[in-house]
Amino acid sequence: MLQQPAPKNLNELVFEVSRRRTFAIISHPDAGKTTLTEKLLLYAGAVDLAGAVRARKNQHHATSDWMELEQQRGISITTAALQFDYMGYRINLLDTPGHQDFSEDTYRTLMVTDSAVMVLDSAKGIEPQTKKLFQVCRLRHTPILTFINKLDRPGQDPLGLLDEIEQTLGIGAVPMNWPIGNGPTFKGVYDLINKQVLLFERTEHGQRRAPVQVHDIHDSALAGLLGEIEYRQLVEETELLDAAGASFSREMFLAGEVTPVFFGSAINNFGLESFLRALIDFAPAPGPRASDQGMIEPDHQDFSGQIFKIQANMDPMHRDRVAFLRVCSGRFEKDMLLHHSRLGRKVRMPRAYRFFAREREIVEEAYPGDVVGLANPGLFNIGDTLCSGKLIKFDSIPRFQPEHFCILHNQQIAKYKQFNKGLEQLEEEGAIQVLFLRDSLRKEPILAAVGELQFDVVVARLKAEYGVDTSVERLPFSCARWVECGPGEENGIIWPMSSKLAQDRDERLVVLFQSEWNLNYCQEKNPGIVFKELG
């Protein structure tokens, strides 16, 4: 049953923290993650039709995929921050990239969420990217709710899917509802929490809420509505689940040891309202964050926040840079004067935004769990801490080891300044790292990325946002190491023949290897040299 926020009392900060829910949605590509995001907005009343964002006084067609390349390819590339209200709660939803080639942005986002929703395709079950993202959540003991999607299509046996979750991911799977039918016969779900049968009707293109009929499972009319065979199967399966005695433990959920599982169809809006209510009920409010001064509680009176994402040119009409900040404690106010821990100076916050996909509005105040966008004149880097009161620094947000490399060619030499400015901003966002070959007449930059398709993003954005035509030349390297050695030691290092020496923007030595075997060989031949995964 949905819990309401505690009544507002003298401690406004405690109240505001209690009604925040900040979560990310993770999945393998094509599991229906972005569709689920839109439908949650529909049921929360944030949109009138799926895909149509209610912003200011006009209707604007939009989704969480705001970048042109995302809309062309039908995949999410950047994390979209969406904020809306539901049943007295303030929801911060981060729709993360699901494509395997955009995982670095996803990983960073998972560092600042309080819970996650894992979306699975009922026909495919656990897929590689899902497993990888789940492991990131597990490292942080992030509570995970599971939504098994696409029940409107033929899929695996529900019991088999629960077993696969437990065997593959090593986490307990507790069903919260149970599907009635499968594929074309999918009619609804049995709510195991409230002991109700929910039968849905399809709507045109799934743009509106699905009408629902609520029945007791012993209702004599159900056999006629479902068919005798399907009704008997439902009764047998629910009796089996009751006999199995699988019960949900909130304590184990918050510890990341069990996941509540919901079945439904995002495209048809089946099972979504009960899932949204359970999400609000189960997901935790913002919790403490680790810093160099110990754990910082969200209801601490001093403000603190951390930058976890930087995005340039979200508004194509303005060459702006936005730094996304997760509020960790206290109350954020417009025009605050804050300590910038890395720079060791104070900075004023005259402009802060709340986002709804591409739409933005000025933020007057924000509380722990909220995500706000700050105008970034080059002051902020990923991982920076901003605070009032006592100076603190939150634990750093890790970078991730690049696995793909290419040379980026500028096809328009006359646009040298635009080329370098765009590349500098893209590197600042953390999407790629820029290297340069040492002792070479070729001065073109080398791009290093976690996912190969990120190179296409760089080419597309340089063209769309800076008017520069570029091309890439793939390189045969698979890993890079930053080299730490004393004065004069570099000349004595034995390098594999196929390796290349490069340097980053800080002129630190980086070596590129074609294989793990080459890397291991180099380490064996140079036992006194430190090879770091990241600079």
Protein backbone atom coordinates (compact mmCIF):
# COMPACT_ATOMS: atom_id res chain seq x y z
CA MET A 1 0.00 0.00 0.00
CA LEU A 2 1.34 3.44 -0.95
CA GLN A 3 2.70 5.36 2.00
CA GLN A 4 2.11 9.09 2.10
CA PRO A 5 4.92 11.52 2.97
CA ALA A 6 5.12 12.47 6.62
CA PRO A 7 3.06 15.58 7.43
CA LYS A 8 4.98 18.81 7.11
CA ASN A 9 6.22 20.00 10.47
CA LEU A 10 8.72 22.46 11.85
CA ASN A 11 11.60 20.58 10.25
CA GLU A 12 10.97 21.40 6.60
CA LEU A 13 14.24 19.80 5.46
CA VAL A 14 13.37 16.41 6.96
CA PHE A 15 9.96 16.55 5.29
CA GLU A 16 11.39 17.45 1.88
CA VAL A 17 13.97 14.64 2.08
CA SER A 18 11.27 12.12 3.01
CA ARG A 19 9.24 12.84 -0.12
CA ARG A 20 12.14 12.59 -2.62
CA ARG A 21 12.76 9.52 -4.78
CA THR A 22 15.79 9.53 -7.07
CA PHE A 23 16.33 6.50 -9.28
CA ALA A 24 17.79 5.40 -12.60
CA ILE A 25 16.34 3.02 -15.16
CA ILE A 26 18.80 0.44 -16.50
CA SER A 27 18.44 -2.20 -19.19
CA HIS A 28 19.92 -3.84 -22.24
CA PRO A 29 19.10 -2.05 -25.53
CA ASP A 30 15.55 -2.55 -26.79
CA ALA A 31 14.13 -3.88 -23.52
CA GLY A 32 11.67 -0.96 -23.44
CA LYS A 33 13.43 1.34 -20.99
CA THR A 34 12.59 4.65 -22.69
CA THR A 35 9.01 3.51 -23.32
CA LEU A 36 8.65 2.68 -19.62
CA THR A 37 9.99 6.13 -18.77
CA GLU A 38 7.37 7.82 -20.95
CA LYS A 39 4.57 5.72 -19.51
CA LEU A 40 5.57 6.51 -15.91
CA LEU A 41 5.31 10.18 -16.89
CA LEU A 42 1.86 9.48 -18.35
CA TYR A 43 0.59 7.82 -15.17
CA ALA A 44 2.10 10.52 -12.98
CA GLY A 45 0.20 13.14 -14.97
CA ALA A 46 3.38 14.78 -16.27
CA VAL A 47 2.22 14.23 -19.86
CA ASP A 48 -1.27 14.06 -21.37
CA LEU A 49 -0.25 11.64 -24.12
CA ALA A 50 2.77 9.34 -24.13
CA GLY A 51 5.51 11.31 -25.86
CA ALA A 52 3.94 14.74 -25.39
CA VAL A 53 5.57 16.77 -22.63
CA ARG A 54 3.45 19.31 -20.81
CA ALA A 55 5.76 22.30 -20.48
CA ARG A 56 4.79 25.84 -19.55
CA LYS A 57 1.45 26.50 -21.31
CA ASN A 58 2.06 24.69 -24.58
CA GLN A 59 2.37 21.10 -25.72
CA HIS A 60 5.78 20.09 -27.05
CA HIS A 61 6.53 16.73 -28.59
CA ALA A 62 9.49 15.33 -26.70
CA THR A 63 10.91 12.24 -25.07
CA SER A 64 13.86 11.65 -22.82
CA ASP A 65 15.92 11.15 -26.01
CA TRP A 66 16.62 14.80 -26.86
CA MET A 67 19.75 14.51 -29.02
CA GLU A 68 19.17 14.36 -32.80
CA LEU A 69 21.37 11.28 -33.15
CA GLU A 70 19.30 9.51 -30.48
CA GLN A 71 16.08 10.19 -32.35
CA GLN A 72 17.62 9.01 -35.64
CA ARG A 73 18.90 5.73 -34.22
CA GLY A 74 16.16 5.06 -31.68
CA ILE A 75 18.61 4.60 -28.80
CA SER A 76 19.48 6.58 -25.69
CA ILE A 77 22.97 8.08 -25.77
CA THR A 78 23.04 10.56 -22.89
CA THR A 79 21.45 10.48 -19.48
CA ALA A 80 18.20 12.46 -19.40
CA ALA A 81 17.17 14.10 -16.12
CA LEU A 82 13.42 14.27 -15.58
CA GLN A 83 11.65 15.68 -12.52
CA PHE A 84 7.93 15.45 -11.76
CA ASP A 85 5.48 15.07 -8.87
CA TYR A 86 3.25 12.11 -8.02
CA MET A 87 0.99 11.57 -5.00
CA GLY A 88 2.82 14.22 -2.99
CA TYR A 89 6.27 12.88 -3.88
CA ARG A 90 8.99 14.62 -5.90
CA ILE A 91 10.43 12.16 -8.42
CA ASN A 92 13.88 12.50 -10.00
CA LEU A 93 14.11 9.98 -12.80
CA LEU A 94 17.36 9.43 -14.70
CA ASP A 95 16.79 7.59 -17.97
CA THR A 96 20.27 6.22 -18.62
CA PRO A 97 21.77 5.03 -21.91
CA GLY A 98 21.14 1.34 -22.47
CA HIS A 99 23.37 0.90 -25.51
CA GLN A 100 26.58 -0.94 -24.69
CA ASP A 101 28.65 1.82 -26.32
CA PHE A 102 27.41 4.53 -23.98
CA SER A 103 28.08 2.88 -20.65
CA GLU A 104 30.40 5.49 -19.12
CA ASP A 105 27.61 8.05 -18.76
CA THR A 106 25.40 5.31 -17.36
CA TYR A 107 28.00 4.26 -14.79
CA ARG A 108 28.50 7.80 -13.54
CA THR A 109 24.77 8.29 -13.17
CA LEU A 110 24.45 5.13 -11.09
CA MET A 111 26.94 6.66 -8.65
CA VAL A 112 24.40 9.33 -7.62
CA THR A 113 21.07 7.48 -7.54
CA ASP A 114 19.37 6.02 -4.47
CA SER A 115 17.73 3.08 -6.29
CA ALA A 116 17.34 1.62 -9.76
CA VAL A 117 14.68 0.02 -11.94
CA MET A 118 15.93 -2.92 -13.99
CA VAL A 119 13.91 -3.52 -17.17
CA LEU A 120 13.98 -6.99 -18.73
CA ASP A 121 12.53 -8.25 -22.00
CA SER A 122 10.27 -11.21 -21.11
CA ALA A 123 11.47 -13.12 -24.19
CA LYS A 124 15.21 -12.49 -23.70
CA GLY A 125 15.62 -12.42 -19.92
CA ILE A 126 19.02 -11.35 -18.58
CA GLU A 127 21.16 -9.86 -21.36
CA PRO A 128 24.86 -8.84 -21.27
CA GLN A 129 24.41 -5.11 -20.73
CA THR A 130 21.83 -5.71 -18.01
CA LYS A 131 24.27 -7.96 -16.20
CA LYS A 132 27.07 -5.39 -16.47
CA LEU A 133 24.92 -2.54 -15.13
CA PHE A 134 23.54 -4.75 -12.37
CA GLN A 135 27.09 -5.39 -11.16
CA VAL A 136 27.69 -1.63 -10.89
CA CYS A 137 24.57 -1.35 -8.72
CA ARG A 138 25.64 -4.33 -6.64
CA LEU A 139 29.02 -2.74 -5.85
CA ARG A 140 27.13 0.16 -4.25
CA HIS A 141 24.40 -2.06 -2.71
CA THR A 142 21.84 -0.05 -4.69
CA PRO A 143 18.27 -1.33 -4.18
CA ILE A 144 16.80 -2.60 -7.47
CA LEU A 145 13.19 -3.05 -8.56
CA THR A 146 12.63 -5.27 -11.61
CA PHE A 147 10.04 -4.69 -14.34
CA ILE A 148 9.69 -7.62 -16.75
CA ASN A 149 8.39 -5.98 -19.91
CA LYS A 150 6.75 -7.00 -23.19
CA LEU A 151 4.29 -9.53 -21.78
CA ASP A 152 2.13 -8.59 -24.78
CA ARG A 153 4.56 -10.68 -26.87
CA PRO A 154 5.35 -14.38 -26.52
CA GLY A 155 8.01 -14.78 -23.84
CA GLN A 156 9.62 -17.12 -21.38
CA ASP A 157 7.82 -18.87 -18.55
CA PRO A 158 7.45 -16.42 -15.60
CA LEU A 159 8.83 -18.93 -13.09
CA GLY A 160 11.79 -19.54 -15.39
CA LEU A 161 12.46 -15.79 -15.54
CA LEU A 162 12.48 -15.54 -11.74
CA ASP A 163 14.90 -18.47 -11.57
CA GLU A 164 17.15 -16.86 -14.21
CA ILE A 165 17.34 -13.62 -12.19
CA GLU A 166 18.36 -15.55 -9.09
CA GLN A 167 20.85 -17.86 -10.81
CA THR A 168 22.47 -15.31 -13.13
CA LEU A 169 22.53 -12.25 -10.89
CA GLY A 170 22.72 -13.93 -7.49
CA ILE A 171 19.85 -11.92 -6.02
CA GLY A 172 16.54 -13.08 -4.60
CA ALA A 173 13.56 -12.43 -6.90
CA VAL A 174 10.18 -11.92 -5.22
CA PRO A 175 7.15 -11.51 -7.53
CA MET A 176 4.81 -8.64 -6.63
CA ASN A 177 2.29 -9.46 -9.34
CA TRP A 178 1.66 -12.32 -11.75
CA PRO A 179 0.85 -12.19 -15.48
CA ILE A 180 -2.51 -13.41 -16.75
CA GLY A 181 -1.90 -14.88 -20.18
CA ASN A 182 1.07 -14.44 -22.48
CA GLY A 183 1.57 -12.66 -25.80
CA PRO A 184 -1.75 -12.06 -27.58
CA THR A 185 -3.63 -13.64 -24.62
CA PHE A 186 -2.06 -11.28 -22.05
CA LYS A 187 -5.00 -9.62 -20.29
CA GLY A 188 -3.60 -8.24 -17.06
CA VAL A 189 -1.93 -9.15 -13.78
CA TYR A 190 -2.80 -10.55 -10.40
CA ASP A 191 -1.67 -8.15 -7.67
CA LEU A 192 -0.05 -10.41 -5.07
CA ILE A 193 0.19 -7.57 -2.56
CA ASN A 194 -3.46 -6.52 -2.55
CA LYS A 195 -4.87 -9.89 -3.73
CA GLN A 196 -6.65 -8.35 -6.71
CA VAL A 197 -7.04 -9.29 -10.36
CA LEU A 198 -6.35 -6.31 -12.65
CA LEU A 199 -7.71 -6.71 -16.18
CA PHE A 200 -6.69 -4.04 -18.71
CA GLU A 201 -8.01 -2.78 -22.02
CA ARG A 202 -5.72 -1.74 -24.84
CA THR A 203 -5.85 1.89 -25.99
CA GLU A 204 -4.91 3.36 -29.37
CA HIS A 205 -1.10 3.23 -29.68
CA GLY A 206 -0.89 3.07 -25.87
CA GLN A 207 -1.01 6.86 -25.68
CA ARG A 208 -3.57 7.00 -22.87
CA ARG A 209 -4.02 5.19 -19.58
CA ALA A 210 -5.34 1.68 -20.00
CA PRO A 211 -8.82 1.24 -18.46
CA VAL A 212 -8.68 -1.40 -15.72
CA GLN A 213 -11.24 -3.70 -14.12
CA VAL A 214 -10.54 -4.86 -10.57
CA HIS A 215 -11.80 -8.26 -9.44
CA ASP A 216 -11.43 -10.61 -6.52
CA ILE A 217 -9.75 -13.80 -7.70
CA HIS A 218 -12.76 -15.80 -6.48
CA ASP A 219 -15.19 -13.65 -8.51
CA SER A 220 -17.48 -16.06 -10.35
CA ALA A 221 -17.42 -13.81 -13.44
CA LEU A 222 -13.65 -14.20 -13.91
CA ALA A 223 -13.86 -17.62 -15.58
CA GLY A 224 -16.07 -16.11 -18.25
CA LEU A 225 -13.81 -13.09 -18.72
CA LEU A 226 -10.55 -15.06 -18.89
CA GLY A 227 -11.71 -18.38 -20.24
CA GLU A 228 -12.02 -21.51 -18.12
CA ILE A 229 -8.51 -22.81 -18.87
CA GLU A 230 -6.70 -19.51 -18.22
CA TYR A 231 -8.71 -18.91 -15.04
CA ARG A 232 -7.87 -22.35 -13.70
CA GLN A 233 -4.19 -21.81 -14.56
CA LEU A 234 -4.18 -18.46 -12.72
CA VAL A 235 -5.67 -20.01 -9.58
CA GLU A 236 -3.17 -22.88 -9.65
CA GLU A 237 -0.17 -20.56 -10.15
CA THR A 238 -1.19 -18.16 -7.38
CA GLU A 239 -1.76 -21.08 -5.00
CA LEU A 240 1.71 -22.37 -5.91
CA LEU A 241 3.22 -18.95 -5.18
CA ASP A 242 1.43 -18.79 -1.83
CA ALA A 243 2.68 -22.27 -0.94
CA ALA A 244 6.26 -21.34 -1.90
CA GLY A 245 6.14 -18.73 0.85
CA ALA A 246 8.35 -16.20 -0.92
CA SER A 247 7.85 -13.01 1.07
CA PHE A 248 9.25 -9.56 0.42
CA SER A 249 11.67 -8.13 2.98
CA ARG A 250 12.19 -4.38 2.79
CA GLU A 251 15.40 -4.70 4.80
CA MET A 252 16.87 -7.18 2.31
CA PHE A 253 15.69 -5.02 -0.59
CA LEU A 254 17.41 -1.92 0.82
CA ALA A 255 20.57 -3.99 1.27
CA GLY A 256 20.45 -5.02 -2.40
CA GLU A 257 19.87 -8.69 -1.58
CA VAL A 258 16.39 -9.14 -3.09
CA THR A 259 14.50 -7.48 -5.92
CA PRO A 260 10.70 -7.14 -6.11
CA VAL A 261 9.58 -8.28 -9.57
CA PHE A 262 6.68 -6.84 -11.56
CA PHE A 263 5.29 -8.12 -14.87
CA GLY A 264 3.64 -5.87 -17.43
CA SER A 265 3.62 -4.24 -20.84
CA ALA A 266 4.92 -0.68 -21.06
CA ILE A 267 3.76 -0.21 -24.65
CA ASN A 268 0.17 -1.12 -23.70
CA ASN A 269 0.23 0.44 -20.19
CA PHE A 270 -0.55 -2.88 -18.50
CA GLY A 271 0.50 -2.98 -14.83
CA LEU A 272 2.08 0.48 -14.83
CA GLU A 273 0.03 2.33 -12.23
CA SER A 274 0.52 -0.35 -9.56
CA PHE A 275 4.22 -0.48 -10.45
CA LEU A 276 4.60 3.29 -10.05
CA ARG A 277 2.84 3.17 -6.69
CA ALA A 278 5.08 0.33 -5.52
CA LEU A 279 8.16 2.17 -6.78
CA ILE A 280 7.29 5.17 -4.61
CA ASP A 281 6.47 2.91 -1.67
CA PHE A 282 9.57 0.68 -1.86
CA ALA A 283 12.32 3.00 -3.15
CA PRO A 284 14.28 4.72 -0.36
CA ALA A 285 14.46 8.43 0.25
CA PRO A 286 17.90 10.04 -0.21
CA GLY A 287 20.53 8.61 2.11
CA PRO A 288 23.96 9.68 3.41
CA ARG A 289 26.93 10.19 1.07
CA ALA A 290 30.59 9.36 1.75
CA SER A 291 33.07 12.26 1.97
CA ASP A 292 36.52 13.06 3.33
CA GLN A 293 34.72 14.24 6.50
CA GLY A 294 32.74 11.02 6.96
CA MET A 295 29.15 10.30 5.96
CA ILE A 296 27.10 13.40 5.17
CA GLU A 297 23.44 12.98 6.13
CA PRO A 298 20.83 14.46 3.76
CA ASP A 299 19.13 16.38 6.57
CA HIS A 300 22.37 18.15 7.54
CA GLN A 301 21.60 21.87 7.57
CA ASP A 302 24.64 22.82 5.44
CA PHE A 303 24.17 22.48 1.69
CA SER A 304 26.34 20.07 -0.30
CA GLY A 305 26.17 18.62 -3.80
CA GLN A 306 28.29 16.83 -6.39
CA ILE A 307 28.69 17.32 -10.15
CA PHE A 308 28.17 13.99 -11.94
CA LYS A 309 27.58 15.02 -15.56
CA ILE A 310 28.47 17.85 -17.92
CA GLN A 311 26.60 18.45 -21.17
CA ALA A 312 27.30 21.07 -23.81
CA ASN A 313 24.80 22.56 -26.27
CA MET A 314 21.58 21.04 -24.93
CA ASP A 315 19.98 24.18 -26.33
CA PRO A 316 21.18 24.48 -29.96
CA MET A 317 20.24 28.17 -29.96
CA HIS A 318 22.81 28.90 -27.26
CA ARG A 319 26.33 27.56 -26.87
CA ASP A 320 25.75 26.73 -23.25
CA ARG A 321 27.40 24.19 -20.97
CA VAL A 322 25.39 22.63 -18.18
CA ALA A 323 26.85 20.89 -15.13
CA PHE A 324 24.39 18.45 -13.54
CA LEU A 325 24.55 18.50 -9.75
CA ARG A 326 23.01 16.00 -7.35
CA VAL A 327 21.95 17.75 -4.14
CA CYS A 328 23.29 15.66 -1.24
CA SER A 329 22.40 17.66 1.87
CA GLY A 330 20.74 20.85 3.04
CA ARG A 331 18.77 23.25 0.89
CA PHE A 332 19.91 24.73 -2.40
CA GLU A 333 18.80 28.29 -3.12
CA LYS A 334 19.16 30.40 -6.21
CA ASP A 335 22.09 32.85 -6.05
CA MET A 336 23.85 30.92 -3.25
CA LEU A 337 27.54 31.58 -2.61
CA LEU A 338 29.22 28.17 -2.30
CA HIS A 339 32.65 26.68 -1.67
CA HIS A 340 34.18 24.99 -4.71
CA SER A 341 36.30 22.30 -3.04
CA ARG A 342 38.63 21.57 -5.97
CA LEU A 343 39.34 25.21 -6.84
CA GLY A 344 39.49 26.34 -3.21
CA ARG A 345 37.34 29.40 -3.89
CA LYS A 346 33.76 30.57 -3.58
CA VAL A 347 31.40 30.67 -6.55
CA ARG A 348 27.92 32.16 -6.88
CA MET A 349 25.00 30.19 -8.37
CA PRO A 350 22.94 32.82 -10.23
CA ARG A 351 21.36 30.36 -12.68
CA ALA A 352 20.19 26.86 -11.87
CA TYR A 353 17.71 24.82 -13.89
CA ARG A 354 15.26 22.02 -13.41
CA PHE A 355 14.97 19.76 -16.43
CA PHE A 356 12.19 17.86 -18.10
CA ALA A 357 14.01 16.28 -21.06
CA ARG A 358 14.99 19.31 -23.17
CA GLU A 359 12.71 21.76 -21.37
CA ARG A 360 14.12 23.75 -18.49
CA GLU A 361 12.94 26.19 -15.89
CA ILE A 362 14.70 28.28 -13.28
CA VAL A 363 15.11 26.61 -9.89
CA GLU A 364 14.49 28.73 -6.81
CA GLU A 365 15.24 25.90 -4.37
CA ALA A 366 16.15 22.22 -4.35
CA TYR A 367 16.58 19.50 -1.75
CA PRO A 368 18.59 16.27 -1.35
CA GLY A 369 17.89 13.87 -4.18
CA ASP A 370 17.09 16.63 -6.66
CA VAL A 371 19.17 17.08 -9.80
CA VAL A 372 19.76 20.65 -10.93
CA GLY A 373 21.63 22.01 -13.92
CA LEU A 374 24.15 24.78 -13.33
CA ALA A 375 25.36 27.17 -16.01
CA ASN A 376 28.99 26.16 -16.43
CA PRO A 377 31.44 28.84 -17.60
CA GLY A 378 34.27 26.31 -17.36
CA LEU A 379 34.39 26.15 -13.55
CA PHE A 380 33.09 22.62 -13.03
CA ASN A 381 34.47 19.16 -13.68
CA ILE A 382 32.84 15.78 -13.14
CA GLY A 383 33.17 14.83 -9.46
CA ASP A 384 33.45 18.40 -8.10
CA THR A 385 31.92 19.11 -4.68
CA LEU A 386 30.04 22.33 -3.90
CA CYS A 387 29.13 23.10 -0.31
CA SER A 388 28.31 25.72 2.30
CA GLY A 389 29.54 25.70 5.87
CA LYS A 390 32.39 23.28 6.61
CA LEU A 391 34.56 22.45 3.59
CA ILE A 392 34.05 18.84 2.44
CA LYS A 393 34.87 16.73 -0.60
CA PHE A 394 32.72 13.79 -1.70
CA ASP A 395 34.33 10.56 -2.84
CA SER A 396 35.42 10.88 -6.46
CA ILE A 397 33.34 9.56 -9.34
CA PRO A 398 35.53 7.05 -11.18
CA ARG A 399 36.57 7.18 -14.82
CA PHE A 400 36.40 3.99 -16.84
CA GLN A 401 39.05 2.22 -18.86
CA PRO A 402 38.91 3.03 -22.61
CA GLU A 403 38.80 0.03 -24.94
CA HIS A 404 38.47 1.70 -28.37
CA PHE A 405 40.77 4.18 -30.11
CA CYS A 406 40.75 6.23 -33.31
CA ILE A 407 42.41 9.20 -34.98
CA LEU A 408 40.03 12.13 -35.52
CA HIS A 409 40.60 14.00 -38.81
CA ASN A 410 39.44 17.59 -39.26
CA GLN A 411 38.16 17.88 -42.84
CA GLN A 412 37.91 21.68 -42.63
CA ILE A 413 41.25 23.18 -41.64
CA ALA A 414 39.75 26.68 -41.78
CA LYS A 415 37.58 25.70 -38.81
CA TYR A 416 40.53 24.84 -36.60
CA LYS A 417 39.24 26.88 -33.65
CA GLN A 418 35.74 25.36 -33.77
CA PHE A 419 37.24 21.88 -34.04
CA ASN A 420 39.41 22.33 -30.96
CA LYS A 421 36.69 24.07 -28.95
CA GLY A 422 34.17 21.30 -29.67
CA LEU A 423 36.65 18.54 -28.89
CA GLU A 424 37.64 20.24 -25.63
CA GLN A 425 34.01 20.45 -24.52
CA LEU A 426 33.27 16.83 -25.47
CA GLU A 427 36.27 15.69 -23.44
CA GLU A 428 35.07 17.81 -20.52
CA GLU A 429 31.79 15.89 -20.60
CA GLY A 430 33.70 12.66 -20.01
CA ALA A 431 32.47 10.93 -23.16
CA ILE A 432 35.96 10.52 -24.60
CA GLN A 433 39.58 11.12 -23.64
CA VAL A 434 41.90 12.97 -26.02
CA LEU A 435 45.49 11.80 -26.57
CA PHE A 436 48.30 12.81 -28.94
CA LEU A 437 51.00 10.59 -30.43
CA ARG A 438 54.50 11.39 -29.20
CA ASP A 439 57.48 11.83 -31.53
CA SER A 440 55.24 11.94 -34.59
CA LEU A 441 54.69 14.45 -37.36
CA ARG A 442 50.97 13.63 -37.18
CA LYS A 443 49.25 16.05 -34.81
CA GLU A 444 45.68 14.77 -35.17
CA PRO A 445 44.13 13.86 -31.81
CA ILE A 446 43.53 10.27 -30.78
CA LEU A 447 40.13 9.60 -29.20
CA ALA A 448 39.90 6.96 -26.48
CA ALA A 449 36.42 5.74 -25.53
CA VAL A 450 34.68 3.04 -23.52
CA GLY A 451 32.33 2.29 -26.43
CA GLU A 452 33.18 2.46 -30.14
CA LEU A 453 29.92 4.12 -31.17
CA GLN A 454 30.93 7.12 -29.11
CA PHE A 455 33.13 8.07 -32.06
CA ASP A 456 29.98 8.47 -34.18
CA VAL A 457 28.58 10.74 -31.48
CA VAL A 458 31.68 12.95 -31.62
CA VAL A 459 31.48 13.23 -35.42
CA ALA A 460 27.74 13.98 -35.34
CA ARG A 461 27.96 16.58 -32.57
CA LEU A 462 30.98 18.37 -34.08
CA LYS A 463 28.96 18.70 -37.28
CA ALA A 464 25.63 19.67 -35.66
CA GLU A 465 26.92 21.92 -32.88
CA TYR A 466 30.14 23.40 -34.28
CA GLY A 467 29.70 23.11 -38.05
CA VAL A 468 32.87 21.03 -38.47
CA ASP A 469 33.11 17.99 -40.76
CA THR A 470 35.32 15.25 -39.34
CA SER A 471 36.10 11.60 -39.98
CA VAL A 472 37.64 8.84 -37.89
CA GLU A 473 40.37 6.31 -38.59
CA ARG A 474 40.08 3.29 -36.31
CA LEU A 475 43.26 2.18 -34.53
CA PRO A 476 44.12 -1.46 -33.68
CA PHE A 477 44.57 -0.87 -29.94
CA SER A 478 42.44 -2.40 -27.19
CA CYS A 479 43.82 -0.88 -23.98
CA ALA A 480 45.84 2.05 -22.66
CA ARG A 481 47.99 2.56 -19.60
CA TRP A 482 49.27 5.74 -17.98
CA VAL A 483 52.96 5.27 -17.16
CA GLU A 484 54.56 6.48 -13.92
CA CYS A 485 58.34 6.39 -13.78
CA GLY A 486 61.20 8.36 -12.30
CA PRO A 487 63.55 10.78 -14.10
CA GLY A 488 65.56 8.97 -16.75
CA GLU A 489 63.66 5.68 -16.36
CA GLU A 490 61.61 6.08 -19.52
CA ASN A 491 64.61 5.58 -21.80
CA GLY A 492 65.21 2.15 -20.28
CA ILE A 493 61.67 0.83 -20.75
CA ILE A 494 61.29 -2.11 -23.16
CA TRP A 495 58.19 -1.51 -25.32
CA PRO A 496 56.43 -4.15 -27.44
CA MET A 497 56.94 -3.47 -31.16
CA SER A 498 53.22 -2.93 -31.78
CA SER A 499 52.70 -0.41 -28.97
CA LYS A 500 52.49 3.35 -29.45
CA LEU A 501 53.51 6.14 -27.07
CA ALA A 502 51.14 9.04 -26.58
CA GLN A 503 50.40 11.77 -24.07
CA ASP A 504 47.24 13.34 -22.68
CA ARG A 505 46.44 17.05 -22.38
CA ASP A 506 48.48 17.19 -19.17
CA GLU A 507 51.48 15.77 -21.08
CA ARG A 508 51.47 12.54 -19.08
CA LEU A 509 52.88 9.47 -20.82
CA VAL A 510 50.30 7.01 -22.13
CA VAL A 511 51.10 3.75 -23.92
CA LEU A 512 48.62 2.05 -26.27
CA PHE A 513 48.63 -1.75 -26.53
CA GLN A 514 47.05 -3.96 -29.18
CA SER A 515 46.22 -6.75 -26.73
CA GLU A 516 46.29 -7.81 -23.10
CA TRP A 517 49.16 -10.12 -24.03
CA ASN A 518 51.27 -7.13 -25.14
CA LEU A 519 50.41 -5.32 -21.91
CA ASN A 520 51.37 -8.30 -19.75
CA TYR A 521 54.63 -8.73 -21.70
CA CYS A 522 55.50 -5.06 -21.12
CA GLN A 523 54.77 -5.32 -17.40
CA GLU A 524 56.93 -8.43 -17.08
CA LYS A 525 59.87 -6.78 -18.88
CA ASN A 526 59.60 -3.59 -16.79
CA PRO A 527 58.85 -4.71 -13.20
CA GLY A 528 59.78 -1.36 -11.63
CA ILE A 529 57.42 0.72 -13.75
CA VAL A 530 53.86 1.56 -12.71
CA PHE A 531 51.18 1.10 -15.40
CA LYS A 532 47.92 2.75 -14.30
CA GLU A 533 44.57 2.02 -15.92
CA LEU A 534 43.50 5.67 -15.81
CA GLY A 535 45.29 8.97 -15.63
